[in-house]
Amino acid sequence: MMKRIGIIGSGTVGKSLGEGFVKYNHNIMLGTRNTDKLSEWKNQLGENAQLGSVDETAKFGDILILATKGTAAKDVIKSLDKKDLMNKTIIDATNPISDVAPEDGVLKFFTEKDKSLMEELQDIVPEANFVKAFNTIGSALMVNPEFESQPTMFIAGNNTDAKSEVAEIVEQFGFEAEDMGTAKASNVIEQLCILWCIPGFRDNKWNHAFKLLKSK
């Protein structure tokens, strides 16, 4: 079923996911402060892609993707009209990465130990349905990556219907969706970003993914 997808954030994550949605015939709007710099990208994607402001994108999307830097995520959500977010599924692809340099390949987070960035976003707009996803994989591997076996995408959120919607997208993009429960679990999923990045920072290897194995 074709959906209207609003992508808030015009970096590599937002563009990669946008290309994936267009690949599967969804209509997208990419929210950015400077539409001119992305006009060529938009033209390459064709008529199913358009550009707009962040406010326009929030209004446009039946489903929203939050793909900003983690340090900007709360300010962006606070800036939006809450009526444009109410009852919408918001896929949170952000991570609370601080501006402090990694130490021995280990990233630093700016969040408290026991509360995730997504939980803080959910507190700002309780009426929205945040679902954590796409935060533990590199942007180049977000759409139909080729691995020896199907990779796992861990998701979490408070709304069952929203998670089912996100699981459908995750599976369309080539992953096995694994529901980890409520927004509380997003704290653990965000921590997986640290683990995923260690081989990249230490050995410049970014071509891996997580896989949850289950015994028969």
N, C-alpha and C. Protein backbone atom coordinates (compact mmCIF):
# COMPACT_ATOMS: atom_id res chain seq x y z
N MET A 1 0.85 -1.20 0.00
CA MET A 1 0.00 0.00 0.00
C MET A 1 0.88 1.25 0.00
N MET A 2 0.65 2.15 -0.93
CA MET A 2 1.44 3.38 -1.01
C MET A 2 1.15 4.29 0.17
N LYS A 3 2.21 4.81 0.77
CA LYS A 3 2.07 5.71 1.91
C LYS A 3 2.79 7.02 1.64
N ARG A 4 2.39 8.04 2.38
CA ARG A 4 3.07 9.33 2.34
C ARG A 4 4.06 9.36 3.51
N ILE A 5 5.35 9.44 3.18
CA ILE A 5 6.40 9.35 4.18
C ILE A 5 7.10 10.71 4.29
N GLY A 6 7.07 11.28 5.48
CA GLY A 6 7.79 12.53 5.74
C GLY A 6 9.09 12.24 6.46
N ILE A 7 10.19 12.64 5.85
CA ILE A 7 11.52 12.36 6.40
C ILE A 7 12.13 13.65 6.91
N ILE A 8 12.31 13.73 8.21
CA ILE A 8 12.86 14.92 8.85
C ILE A 8 14.34 14.71 9.06
N GLY A 9 15.15 15.38 8.25
CA GLY A 9 16.60 15.20 8.29
C GLY A 9 17.11 14.86 6.90
N SER A 10 18.05 15.64 6.41
CA SER A 10 18.49 15.50 5.02
C SER A 10 19.93 15.00 4.90
N GLY A 11 20.42 14.33 5.94
CA GLY A 11 21.75 13.74 5.87
C GLY A 11 21.71 12.39 5.18
N THR A 12 22.77 11.61 5.35
CA THR A 12 22.87 10.34 4.63
C THR A 12 21.78 9.35 5.05
N VAL A 13 21.40 9.36 6.33
CA VAL A 13 20.35 8.45 6.79
C VAL A 13 19.01 8.81 6.14
N GLY A 14 18.66 10.09 6.19
CA GLY A 14 17.40 10.51 5.59
C GLY A 14 17.33 10.23 4.11
N LYS A 15 18.41 10.51 3.41
CA LYS A 15 18.43 10.28 1.96
C LYS A 15 18.40 8.79 1.63
N SER A 16 19.12 7.97 2.38
CA SER A 16 19.12 6.53 2.12
C SER A 16 17.73 5.94 2.33
N LEU A 17 17.09 6.30 3.43
CA LEU A 17 15.74 5.80 3.68
C LEU A 17 14.77 6.34 2.65
N GLY A 18 14.94 7.61 2.26
CA GLY A 18 14.08 8.18 1.22
C GLY A 18 14.18 7.40 -0.08
N GLU A 19 15.38 7.04 -0.46
CA GLU A 19 15.57 6.26 -1.69
C GLU A 19 14.90 4.89 -1.57
N GLY A 20 14.95 4.33 -0.36
CA GLY A 20 14.29 3.05 -0.15
C GLY A 20 12.79 3.14 -0.28
N PHE A 21 12.20 4.17 0.28
CA PHE A 21 10.75 4.32 0.18
C PHE A 21 10.31 4.57 -1.26
N VAL A 22 11.07 5.35 -2.00
CA VAL A 22 10.73 5.58 -3.40
C VAL A 22 10.87 4.28 -4.19
N LYS A 23 11.88 3.50 -3.88
CA LYS A 23 12.07 2.20 -4.54
C LYS A 23 10.81 1.35 -4.43
N TYR A 24 10.13 1.44 -3.30
CA TYR A 24 8.92 0.65 -3.09
C TYR A 24 7.65 1.46 -3.30
N ASN A 25 7.78 2.51 -4.13
CA ASN A 25 6.63 3.25 -4.66
C ASN A 25 5.84 4.04 -3.61
N HIS A 26 6.50 4.43 -2.53
CA HIS A 26 5.87 5.35 -1.60
C HIS A 26 6.18 6.79 -2.02
N ASN A 27 5.32 7.71 -1.63
CA ASN A 27 5.56 9.13 -1.86
C ASN A 27 6.30 9.71 -0.66
N ILE A 28 7.38 10.43 -0.92
CA ILE A 28 8.16 10.98 0.19
C ILE A 28 8.29 12.49 0.08
N MET A 29 8.45 13.12 1.23
CA MET A 29 8.92 14.50 1.30
C MET A 29 10.10 14.51 2.26
N LEU A 30 11.19 15.11 1.82
CA LEU A 30 12.38 15.23 2.66
C LEU A 30 12.43 16.65 3.21
N GLY A 31 12.42 16.76 4.52
CA GLY A 31 12.43 18.07 5.16
C GLY A 31 13.84 18.58 5.35
N THR A 32 14.09 19.79 4.88
CA THR A 32 15.43 20.36 4.96
C THR A 32 15.33 21.88 5.03
N ARG A 33 16.36 22.50 5.56
CA ARG A 33 16.39 23.97 5.61
C ARG A 33 16.83 24.57 4.29
N ASN A 34 17.46 23.78 3.44
CA ASN A 34 17.97 24.29 2.16
C ASN A 34 17.59 23.32 1.05
N THR A 35 16.45 23.57 0.41
CA THR A 35 15.98 22.65 -0.63
C THR A 35 16.85 22.71 -1.89
N ASP A 36 17.51 23.83 -2.12
CA ASP A 36 18.31 23.97 -3.35
C ASP A 36 19.44 22.94 -3.42
N LYS A 37 20.05 22.65 -2.27
CA LYS A 37 21.20 21.75 -2.28
C LYS A 37 20.82 20.31 -2.59
N LEU A 38 19.52 20.00 -2.50
CA LEU A 38 19.07 18.63 -2.74
C LEU A 38 18.22 18.49 -4.01
N SER A 39 18.17 19.52 -4.81
CA SER A 39 17.32 19.48 -6.01
C SER A 39 17.75 18.39 -6.99
N GLU A 40 19.06 18.20 -7.15
CA GLU A 40 19.53 17.15 -8.06
C GLU A 40 19.16 15.76 -7.54
N TRP A 41 19.32 15.57 -6.24
CA TRP A 41 18.94 14.29 -5.61
C TRP A 41 17.46 14.02 -5.83
N LYS A 42 16.64 15.01 -5.62
CA LYS A 42 15.19 14.86 -5.81
C LYS A 42 14.87 14.51 -7.26
N ASN A 43 15.50 15.18 -8.19
CA ASN A 43 15.22 14.93 -9.61
C ASN A 43 15.59 13.51 -10.01
N GLN A 44 16.63 12.98 -9.40
CA GLN A 44 17.03 11.61 -9.71
C GLN A 44 16.01 10.60 -9.23
N LEU A 45 15.28 10.93 -8.17
CA LEU A 45 14.29 9.99 -7.62
C LEU A 45 12.97 10.05 -8.37
N GLY A 46 12.69 11.13 -9.06
CA GLY A 46 11.47 11.19 -9.85
C GLY A 46 10.28 11.79 -9.12
N GLU A 47 9.11 11.55 -9.67
CA GLU A 47 7.91 12.26 -9.24
C GLU A 47 7.41 11.84 -7.85
N ASN A 48 7.87 10.72 -7.32
CA ASN A 48 7.43 10.30 -5.99
C ASN A 48 8.18 11.01 -4.87
N ALA A 49 9.14 11.85 -5.21
CA ALA A 49 9.94 12.54 -4.20
C ALA A 49 9.75 14.04 -4.31
N GLN A 50 9.65 14.68 -3.17
CA GLN A 50 9.61 16.14 -3.13
C GLN A 50 10.34 16.64 -1.90
N LEU A 51 10.66 17.92 -1.93
CA LEU A 51 11.37 18.55 -0.83
C LEU A 51 10.46 19.58 -0.17
N GLY A 52 10.72 19.83 1.11
CA GLY A 52 9.94 20.82 1.82
C GLY A 52 10.64 21.25 3.08
N SER A 53 10.02 22.17 3.79
CA SER A 53 10.55 22.56 5.10
C SER A 53 10.23 21.44 6.10
N VAL A 54 10.82 21.52 7.27
CA VAL A 54 10.54 20.53 8.30
C VAL A 54 9.07 20.57 8.69
N ASP A 55 8.50 21.75 8.81
CA ASP A 55 7.08 21.89 9.15
C ASP A 55 6.19 21.27 8.07
N GLU A 56 6.51 21.55 6.82
CA GLU A 56 5.73 20.99 5.71
C GLU A 56 5.82 19.47 5.69
N THR A 57 7.00 18.96 6.00
CA THR A 57 7.22 17.52 6.00
C THR A 57 6.41 16.84 7.09
N ALA A 58 6.35 17.45 8.26
CA ALA A 58 5.56 16.89 9.36
C ALA A 58 4.08 16.83 9.00
N LYS A 59 3.60 17.84 8.30
CA LYS A 59 2.20 17.85 7.86
C LYS A 59 1.96 16.80 6.77
N PHE A 60 2.94 16.63 5.89
CA PHE A 60 2.80 15.76 4.72
C PHE A 60 2.69 14.29 5.07
N GLY A 61 3.50 13.83 5.99
CA GLY A 61 3.67 12.39 6.20
C GLY A 61 2.55 11.72 6.96
N ASP A 62 2.07 10.59 6.43
CA ASP A 62 1.24 9.70 7.23
C ASP A 62 2.12 8.99 8.26
N ILE A 63 3.35 8.70 7.84
CA ILE A 63 4.39 8.17 8.71
C ILE A 63 5.56 9.14 8.64
N LEU A 64 6.19 9.41 9.78
CA LEU A 64 7.34 10.30 9.81
C LEU A 64 8.60 9.53 10.19
N ILE A 65 9.72 9.96 9.63
CA ILE A 65 11.03 9.42 9.98
C ILE A 65 11.84 10.55 10.60
N LEU A 66 12.34 10.33 11.81
CA LEU A 66 13.22 11.31 12.44
C LEU A 66 14.65 10.85 12.21
N ALA A 67 15.35 11.59 11.34
CA ALA A 67 16.70 11.19 10.92
C ALA A 67 17.69 12.34 11.09
N THR A 68 17.48 13.14 12.11
CA THR A 68 18.39 14.25 12.40
C THR A 68 19.57 13.74 13.23
N LYS A 69 20.54 14.61 13.49
CA LYS A 69 21.54 14.30 14.50
C LYS A 69 20.83 14.16 15.84
N GLY A 70 21.34 13.27 16.68
CA GLY A 70 20.73 13.09 17.98
C GLY A 70 20.70 14.36 18.80
N THR A 71 21.73 15.17 18.68
CA THR A 71 21.82 16.41 19.46
C THR A 71 20.75 17.43 19.07
N ALA A 72 20.18 17.27 17.88
CA ALA A 72 19.16 18.20 17.40
C ALA A 72 17.75 17.65 17.54
N ALA A 73 17.60 16.38 17.86
CA ALA A 73 16.30 15.71 17.78
C ALA A 73 15.23 16.36 18.66
N LYS A 74 15.56 16.63 19.91
CA LYS A 74 14.54 17.19 20.81
C LYS A 74 14.10 18.59 20.37
N ASP A 75 15.06 19.41 19.95
CA ASP A 75 14.70 20.76 19.51
C ASP A 75 13.82 20.71 18.26
N VAL A 76 14.11 19.79 17.36
CA VAL A 76 13.28 19.66 16.15
C VAL A 76 11.86 19.26 16.53
N ILE A 77 11.71 18.26 17.36
CA ILE A 77 10.37 17.81 17.75
C ILE A 77 9.62 18.92 18.50
N LYS A 78 10.31 19.64 19.37
CA LYS A 78 9.67 20.74 20.10
C LYS A 78 9.21 21.85 19.16
N SER A 79 9.90 22.03 18.04
CA SER A 79 9.58 23.12 17.12
C SER A 79 8.34 22.85 16.27
N LEU A 80 7.92 21.60 16.19
CA LEU A 80 6.83 21.24 15.31
C LEU A 80 5.48 21.44 15.98
N ASP A 81 4.46 21.67 15.16
CA ASP A 81 3.10 21.77 15.66
C ASP A 81 2.67 20.39 16.14
N LYS A 82 2.30 20.27 17.39
CA LYS A 82 1.97 18.96 17.94
C LYS A 82 0.79 18.32 17.24
N LYS A 83 -0.08 19.14 16.64
CA LYS A 83 -1.22 18.58 15.90
C LYS A 83 -0.76 17.80 14.68
N ASP A 84 0.41 18.14 14.15
CA ASP A 84 0.94 17.42 12.99
C ASP A 84 1.59 16.09 13.37
N LEU A 85 1.75 15.86 14.67
CA LEU A 85 2.41 14.64 15.15
C LEU A 85 1.44 13.68 15.84
N MET A 86 0.30 14.16 16.24
CA MET A 86 -0.63 13.36 17.02
C MET A 86 -1.07 12.11 16.27
N ASN A 87 -0.97 10.98 16.95
CA ASN A 87 -1.42 9.67 16.46
C ASN A 87 -0.62 9.17 15.26
N LYS A 88 0.45 9.84 14.91
CA LYS A 88 1.28 9.39 13.79
C LYS A 88 2.38 8.46 14.28
N THR A 89 2.73 7.50 13.43
CA THR A 89 3.91 6.67 13.67
C THR A 89 5.14 7.48 13.31
N ILE A 90 6.07 7.59 14.25
CA ILE A 90 7.33 8.30 14.00
C ILE A 90 8.47 7.32 14.20
N ILE A 91 9.13 6.96 13.12
CA ILE A 91 10.29 6.07 13.22
C ILE A 91 11.49 6.89 13.67
N ASP A 92 12.00 6.55 14.83
CA ASP A 92 13.13 7.29 15.41
C ASP A 92 14.42 6.56 15.07
N ALA A 93 15.17 7.12 14.12
CA ALA A 93 16.44 6.53 13.70
C ALA A 93 17.64 7.22 14.33
N THR A 94 17.39 8.06 15.33
CA THR A 94 18.47 8.84 15.93
C THR A 94 19.21 8.07 17.01
N ASN A 95 20.38 8.56 17.35
CA ASN A 95 21.14 8.05 18.49
C ASN A 95 21.68 9.25 19.28
N PRO A 96 21.74 9.13 20.60
CA PRO A 96 22.17 10.27 21.43
C PRO A 96 23.69 10.39 21.51
N ILE A 97 24.32 10.55 20.36
CA ILE A 97 25.78 10.61 20.30
C ILE A 97 26.24 12.02 20.66
N SER A 98 27.10 12.13 21.64
CA SER A 98 27.60 13.43 22.05
C SER A 98 28.68 13.91 21.09
N ASP A 99 29.07 15.15 21.26
CA ASP A 99 30.12 15.73 20.42
C ASP A 99 31.52 15.37 20.91
N VAL A 100 31.61 14.64 22.00
CA VAL A 100 32.91 14.19 22.51
C VAL A 100 33.43 13.06 21.63
N ALA A 101 34.71 13.07 21.34
CA ALA A 101 35.31 12.05 20.47
C ALA A 101 35.23 10.67 21.13
N PRO A 102 35.07 9.60 20.33
CA PRO A 102 35.08 8.25 20.88
C PRO A 102 36.41 7.95 21.57
N GLU A 103 36.36 7.08 22.56
CA GLU A 103 37.56 6.65 23.27
C GLU A 103 37.76 5.15 23.05
N ASP A 104 38.87 4.78 22.40
CA ASP A 104 39.11 3.38 22.02
C ASP A 104 37.96 2.83 21.19
N GLY A 105 37.39 3.69 20.37
CA GLY A 105 36.30 3.27 19.49
C GLY A 105 34.93 3.30 20.13
N VAL A 106 34.85 3.68 21.39
CA VAL A 106 33.58 3.65 22.12
C VAL A 106 32.98 5.05 22.15
N LEU A 107 31.79 5.17 21.58
CA LEU A 107 31.10 6.46 21.54
C LEU A 107 30.65 6.90 22.92
N LYS A 108 30.48 8.20 23.07
CA LYS A 108 29.91 8.78 24.28
C LYS A 108 28.48 9.23 23.98
N PHE A 109 27.57 8.98 24.91
CA PHE A 109 26.19 9.43 24.79
C PHE A 109 25.94 10.61 25.72
N PHE A 110 24.98 11.47 25.35
CA PHE A 110 24.65 12.61 26.21
C PHE A 110 23.42 12.34 27.07
N THR A 111 22.79 11.20 26.91
CA THR A 111 21.61 10.86 27.69
C THR A 111 22.00 10.26 29.04
N GLU A 112 21.03 10.21 29.94
CA GLU A 112 21.23 9.55 31.21
C GLU A 112 21.26 8.04 30.99
N LYS A 113 21.89 7.34 31.91
CA LYS A 113 22.09 5.90 31.76
C LYS A 113 20.77 5.13 31.63
N ASP A 114 19.75 5.54 32.36
CA ASP A 114 18.53 4.76 32.44
C ASP A 114 17.37 5.31 31.61
N LYS A 115 17.66 6.28 30.74
CA LYS A 115 16.58 6.82 29.91
C LYS A 115 17.10 7.12 28.52
N SER A 116 16.39 6.62 27.53
CA SER A 116 16.82 6.77 26.14
C SER A 116 16.42 8.12 25.58
N LEU A 117 17.04 8.47 24.46
CA LEU A 117 16.62 9.67 23.74
C LEU A 117 15.19 9.51 23.26
N MET A 118 14.82 8.32 22.79
CA MET A 118 13.45 8.15 22.30
C MET A 118 12.43 8.32 23.41
N GLU A 119 12.75 7.89 24.61
CA GLU A 119 11.83 8.11 25.73
C GLU A 119 11.65 9.61 25.98
N GLU A 120 12.72 10.37 25.86
CA GLU A 120 12.61 11.82 26.04
C GLU A 120 11.75 12.44 24.94
N LEU A 121 11.89 11.95 23.71
CA LEU A 121 11.06 12.43 22.61
C LEU A 121 9.59 12.07 22.84
N GLN A 122 9.36 10.85 23.31
CA GLN A 122 7.99 10.43 23.60
C GLN A 122 7.36 11.29 24.69
N ASP A 123 8.14 11.70 25.67
CA ASP A 123 7.65 12.57 26.74
C ASP A 123 7.23 13.93 26.19
N ILE A 124 7.93 14.41 25.17
CA ILE A 124 7.61 15.72 24.58
C ILE A 124 6.28 15.68 23.87
N VAL A 125 6.01 14.57 23.16
CA VAL A 125 4.74 14.43 22.42
C VAL A 125 4.13 13.07 22.79
N PRO A 126 3.45 12.98 23.92
CA PRO A 126 2.88 11.70 24.34
C PRO A 126 1.85 11.15 23.35
N GLU A 127 1.25 12.05 22.56
CA GLU A 127 0.19 11.61 21.63
C GLU A 127 0.75 11.00 20.35
N ALA A 128 2.05 11.11 20.11
CA ALA A 128 2.68 10.50 18.94
C ALA A 128 3.13 9.08 19.28
N ASN A 129 3.34 8.28 18.24
CA ASN A 129 3.73 6.88 18.43
C ASN A 129 5.15 6.66 17.93
N PHE A 130 6.11 6.91 18.80
CA PHE A 130 7.51 6.73 18.43
C PHE A 130 7.87 5.25 18.41
N VAL A 131 8.64 4.86 17.39
CA VAL A 131 9.15 3.50 17.29
C VAL A 131 10.63 3.57 16.92
N LYS A 132 11.47 2.95 17.75
CA LYS A 132 12.91 2.94 17.47
C LYS A 132 13.20 1.94 16.36
N ALA A 133 13.97 2.38 15.36
CA ALA A 133 14.38 1.48 14.26
C ALA A 133 15.45 2.19 13.44
N PHE A 134 16.23 1.40 12.71
CA PHE A 134 17.24 1.90 11.77
C PHE A 134 18.38 2.67 12.45
N ASN A 135 18.57 2.49 13.75
CA ASN A 135 19.64 3.20 14.44
C ASN A 135 20.87 2.33 14.69
N THR A 136 20.82 1.06 14.30
CA THR A 136 21.94 0.15 14.57
C THR A 136 22.51 -0.43 13.28
N ILE A 137 22.45 0.35 12.23
CA ILE A 137 22.97 -0.07 10.92
C ILE A 137 23.45 1.17 10.18
N GLY A 138 24.46 1.05 9.35
CA GLY A 138 24.95 2.19 8.59
C GLY A 138 23.99 2.57 7.46
N SER A 139 24.03 3.82 7.07
CA SER A 139 23.10 4.31 6.05
C SER A 139 23.22 3.55 4.74
N ALA A 140 24.42 3.10 4.40
CA ALA A 140 24.62 2.37 3.14
C ALA A 140 23.99 0.99 3.15
N LEU A 141 23.61 0.51 4.35
CA LEU A 141 23.08 -0.85 4.49
C LEU A 141 21.62 -0.86 4.92
N MET A 142 20.94 0.26 4.81
CA MET A 142 19.58 0.37 5.34
C MET A 142 18.51 -0.23 4.44
N VAL A 143 18.82 -0.37 3.17
CA VAL A 143 17.81 -0.86 2.23
C VAL A 143 18.36 -2.08 1.49
N ASN A 144 17.76 -3.25 1.77
CA ASN A 144 18.10 -4.51 1.09
C ASN A 144 19.60 -4.80 1.06
N PRO A 145 20.24 -4.81 2.22
CA PRO A 145 21.67 -5.14 2.25
C PRO A 145 21.87 -6.63 1.97
N GLU A 146 23.04 -6.96 1.48
CA GLU A 146 23.35 -8.36 1.17
C GLU A 146 24.31 -8.91 2.21
N PHE A 147 23.79 -9.84 3.02
CA PHE A 147 24.58 -10.54 4.02
C PHE A 147 24.41 -12.04 3.82
N GLU A 148 25.18 -12.82 4.56
CA GLU A 148 25.07 -14.27 4.46
C GLU A 148 23.70 -14.76 4.92
N SER A 149 23.09 -14.06 5.84
CA SER A 149 21.74 -14.37 6.29
C SER A 149 21.00 -13.06 6.55
N GLN A 150 19.72 -13.16 6.72
CA GLN A 150 18.91 -11.94 6.89
C GLN A 150 19.23 -11.27 8.23
N PRO A 151 19.61 -10.00 8.20
CA PRO A 151 19.94 -9.31 9.46
C PRO A 151 18.70 -8.97 10.26
N THR A 152 18.91 -8.75 11.54
CA THR A 152 17.82 -8.39 12.46
C THR A 152 17.77 -6.89 12.66
N MET A 153 16.55 -6.34 12.66
CA MET A 153 16.34 -4.95 13.03
C MET A 153 15.52 -4.94 14.31
N PHE A 154 16.11 -4.47 15.39
CA PHE A 154 15.40 -4.39 16.66
C PHE A 154 14.53 -3.14 16.68
N ILE A 155 13.28 -3.31 17.09
CA ILE A 155 12.37 -2.17 17.18
C ILE A 155 11.74 -2.15 18.59
N ALA A 156 11.28 -0.97 18.99
CA ALA A 156 10.62 -0.84 20.29
C ALA A 156 9.72 0.39 20.27
N GLY A 157 8.63 0.32 21.00
CA GLY A 157 7.71 1.44 21.09
C GLY A 157 6.50 1.04 21.91
N ASN A 158 5.71 2.02 22.30
CA ASN A 158 4.57 1.75 23.18
C ASN A 158 3.31 1.33 22.44
N ASN A 159 3.21 1.65 21.16
CA ASN A 159 1.98 1.41 20.41
C ASN A 159 2.13 0.19 19.51
N THR A 160 1.28 -0.80 19.72
CA THR A 160 1.38 -2.06 18.98
C THR A 160 1.12 -1.87 17.49
N ASP A 161 0.13 -1.08 17.15
CA ASP A 161 -0.19 -0.85 15.73
C ASP A 161 0.96 -0.15 15.02
N ALA A 162 1.56 0.83 15.70
CA ALA A 162 2.68 1.54 15.10
C ALA A 162 3.86 0.60 14.86
N LYS A 163 4.12 -0.28 15.82
CA LYS A 163 5.21 -1.23 15.65
C LYS A 163 4.94 -2.20 14.51
N SER A 164 3.70 -2.59 14.33
CA SER A 164 3.36 -3.47 13.21
C SER A 164 3.60 -2.76 11.88
N GLU A 165 3.29 -1.47 11.85
CA GLU A 165 3.51 -0.66 10.65
C GLU A 165 5.01 -0.57 10.34
N VAL A 166 5.81 -0.35 11.38
CA VAL A 166 7.25 -0.24 11.20
C VAL A 166 7.85 -1.59 10.83
N ALA A 167 7.36 -2.66 11.44
CA ALA A 167 7.86 -3.99 11.12
C ALA A 167 7.65 -4.31 9.64
N GLU A 168 6.53 -3.89 9.09
CA GLU A 168 6.25 -4.11 7.67
C GLU A 168 7.28 -3.40 6.80
N ILE A 169 7.63 -2.17 7.18
CA ILE A 169 8.63 -1.41 6.44
C ILE A 169 10.00 -2.07 6.57
N VAL A 170 10.37 -2.41 7.80
CA VAL A 170 11.66 -3.05 8.07
C VAL A 170 11.83 -4.32 7.23
N GLU A 171 10.79 -5.12 7.18
CA GLU A 171 10.85 -6.36 6.42
C GLU A 171 10.90 -6.10 4.92
N GLN A 172 10.20 -5.08 4.46
CA GLN A 172 10.27 -4.71 3.05
C GLN A 172 11.68 -4.27 2.67
N PHE A 173 12.38 -3.67 3.62
CA PHE A 173 13.75 -3.20 3.39
C PHE A 173 14.79 -4.29 3.60
N GLY A 174 14.34 -5.53 3.84
CA GLY A 174 15.26 -6.66 3.85
C GLY A 174 15.72 -7.15 5.20
N PHE A 175 15.08 -6.71 6.28
CA PHE A 175 15.47 -7.12 7.62
C PHE A 175 14.40 -8.00 8.26
N GLU A 176 14.80 -8.73 9.27
CA GLU A 176 13.89 -9.45 10.13
C GLU A 176 13.57 -8.53 11.30
N ALA A 177 12.32 -8.15 11.45
CA ALA A 177 11.94 -7.26 12.56
C ALA A 177 11.82 -8.05 13.85
N GLU A 178 12.41 -7.52 14.91
CA GLU A 178 12.34 -8.16 16.22
C GLU A 178 11.84 -7.14 17.22
N ASP A 179 10.61 -7.35 17.70
CA ASP A 179 9.97 -6.42 18.63
C ASP A 179 10.52 -6.65 20.02
N MET A 180 11.17 -5.64 20.56
CA MET A 180 11.79 -5.73 21.89
C MET A 180 10.89 -5.18 22.99
N GLY A 181 9.69 -4.71 22.64
CA GLY A 181 8.78 -4.26 23.68
C GLY A 181 8.52 -2.76 23.66
N THR A 182 8.34 -2.19 24.83
CA THR A 182 7.93 -0.80 24.96
C THR A 182 9.10 0.16 24.75
N ALA A 183 8.81 1.44 24.88
CA ALA A 183 9.84 2.47 24.71
C ALA A 183 11.00 2.29 25.68
N LYS A 184 10.78 1.62 26.81
CA LYS A 184 11.87 1.35 27.75
C LYS A 184 13.01 0.60 27.08
N ALA A 185 12.66 -0.30 26.16
CA ALA A 185 13.68 -1.11 25.47
C ALA A 185 14.51 -0.29 24.50
N SER A 186 14.02 0.88 24.12
CA SER A 186 14.78 1.70 23.17
C SER A 186 16.12 2.14 23.76
N ASN A 187 16.21 2.18 25.09
CA ASN A 187 17.48 2.53 25.72
C ASN A 187 18.55 1.50 25.38
N VAL A 188 18.17 0.23 25.42
CA VAL A 188 19.11 -0.84 25.11
C VAL A 188 19.44 -0.84 23.61
N ILE A 189 18.43 -0.59 22.78
CA ILE A 189 18.66 -0.56 21.33
C ILE A 189 19.60 0.59 20.97
N GLU A 190 19.44 1.73 21.61
CA GLU A 190 20.37 2.83 21.36
C GLU A 190 21.79 2.45 21.75
N GLN A 191 21.94 1.72 22.85
CA GLN A 191 23.27 1.30 23.27
C GLN A 191 23.94 0.40 22.22
N LEU A 192 23.14 -0.35 21.46
CA LEU A 192 23.70 -1.21 20.42
C LEU A 192 24.43 -0.40 19.35
N CYS A 193 24.06 0.85 19.19
CA CYS A 193 24.77 1.72 18.24
C CYS A 193 26.24 1.83 18.62
N ILE A 194 26.51 1.91 19.91
CA ILE A 194 27.90 1.99 20.37
C ILE A 194 28.66 0.75 19.95
N LEU A 195 28.04 -0.40 20.17
CA LEU A 195 28.69 -1.66 19.81
C LEU A 195 28.90 -1.77 18.30
N TRP A 196 27.88 -1.35 17.53
CA TRP A 196 27.98 -1.44 16.07
C TRP A 196 29.13 -0.58 15.54
N CYS A 197 29.37 0.55 16.17
CA CYS A 197 30.37 1.49 15.67
C CYS A 197 31.81 1.13 16.03
N ILE A 198 32.03 0.29 17.03
CA ILE A 198 33.39 0.00 17.47
C ILE A 198 34.27 -0.54 16.34
N PRO A 199 33.84 -1.55 15.54
CA PRO A 199 34.69 -2.02 14.45
C PRO A 199 34.99 -0.93 13.42
N GLY A 200 34.04 0.00 13.26
CA GLY A 200 34.25 1.09 12.32
C GLY A 200 35.34 2.04 12.77
N PHE A 201 35.25 2.46 14.03
CA PHE A 201 36.25 3.40 14.53
C PHE A 201 37.62 2.75 14.71
N ARG A 202 37.64 1.48 15.08
CA ARG A 202 38.92 0.82 15.35
C ARG A 202 39.60 0.28 14.09
N ASP A 203 38.79 -0.28 13.17
CA ASP A 203 39.36 -0.96 12.00
C ASP A 203 38.82 -0.46 10.67
N ASN A 204 38.02 0.60 10.70
CA ASN A 204 37.39 1.15 9.50
C ASN A 204 36.55 0.09 8.77
N LYS A 205 35.83 -0.71 9.55
CA LYS A 205 34.93 -1.72 9.00
C LYS A 205 33.49 -1.36 9.38
N TRP A 206 32.68 -1.09 8.36
CA TRP A 206 31.32 -0.61 8.58
C TRP A 206 30.30 -1.50 7.86
N ASN A 207 30.69 -2.71 7.52
CA ASN A 207 29.84 -3.55 6.65
C ASN A 207 29.21 -4.71 7.41
N HIS A 208 28.77 -4.48 8.64
CA HIS A 208 28.23 -5.54 9.46
C HIS A 208 26.84 -5.17 9.97
N ALA A 209 26.15 -6.18 10.51
CA ALA A 209 24.81 -5.98 11.06
C ALA A 209 24.59 -6.96 12.19
N PHE A 210 23.55 -6.73 12.97
CA PHE A 210 23.21 -7.65 14.06
C PHE A 210 22.28 -8.74 13.55
N LYS A 211 22.40 -9.91 14.17
CA LYS A 211 21.53 -11.04 13.86
C LYS A 211 21.16 -11.74 15.16
N LEU A 212 19.86 -11.86 15.43
CA LEU A 212 19.39 -12.60 16.59
C LEU A 212 19.15 -14.05 16.20
N LEU A 213 19.91 -14.95 16.79
CA LEU A 213 19.80 -16.37 16.47
C LEU A 213 18.88 -17.04 17.49
N LYS A 214 18.04 -17.96 17.03
CA LYS A 214 17.10 -18.65 17.90
C LYS A 214 17.25 -20.16 17.70
N SER A 215 17.29 -20.90 18.80
CA SER A 215 17.40 -22.35 18.69
C SER A 215 16.07 -22.95 18.23
N LYS A 216 16.13 -24.08 17.60
CA LYS A 216 14.92 -24.74 17.10
C LYS A 216 14.25 -25.53 18.23
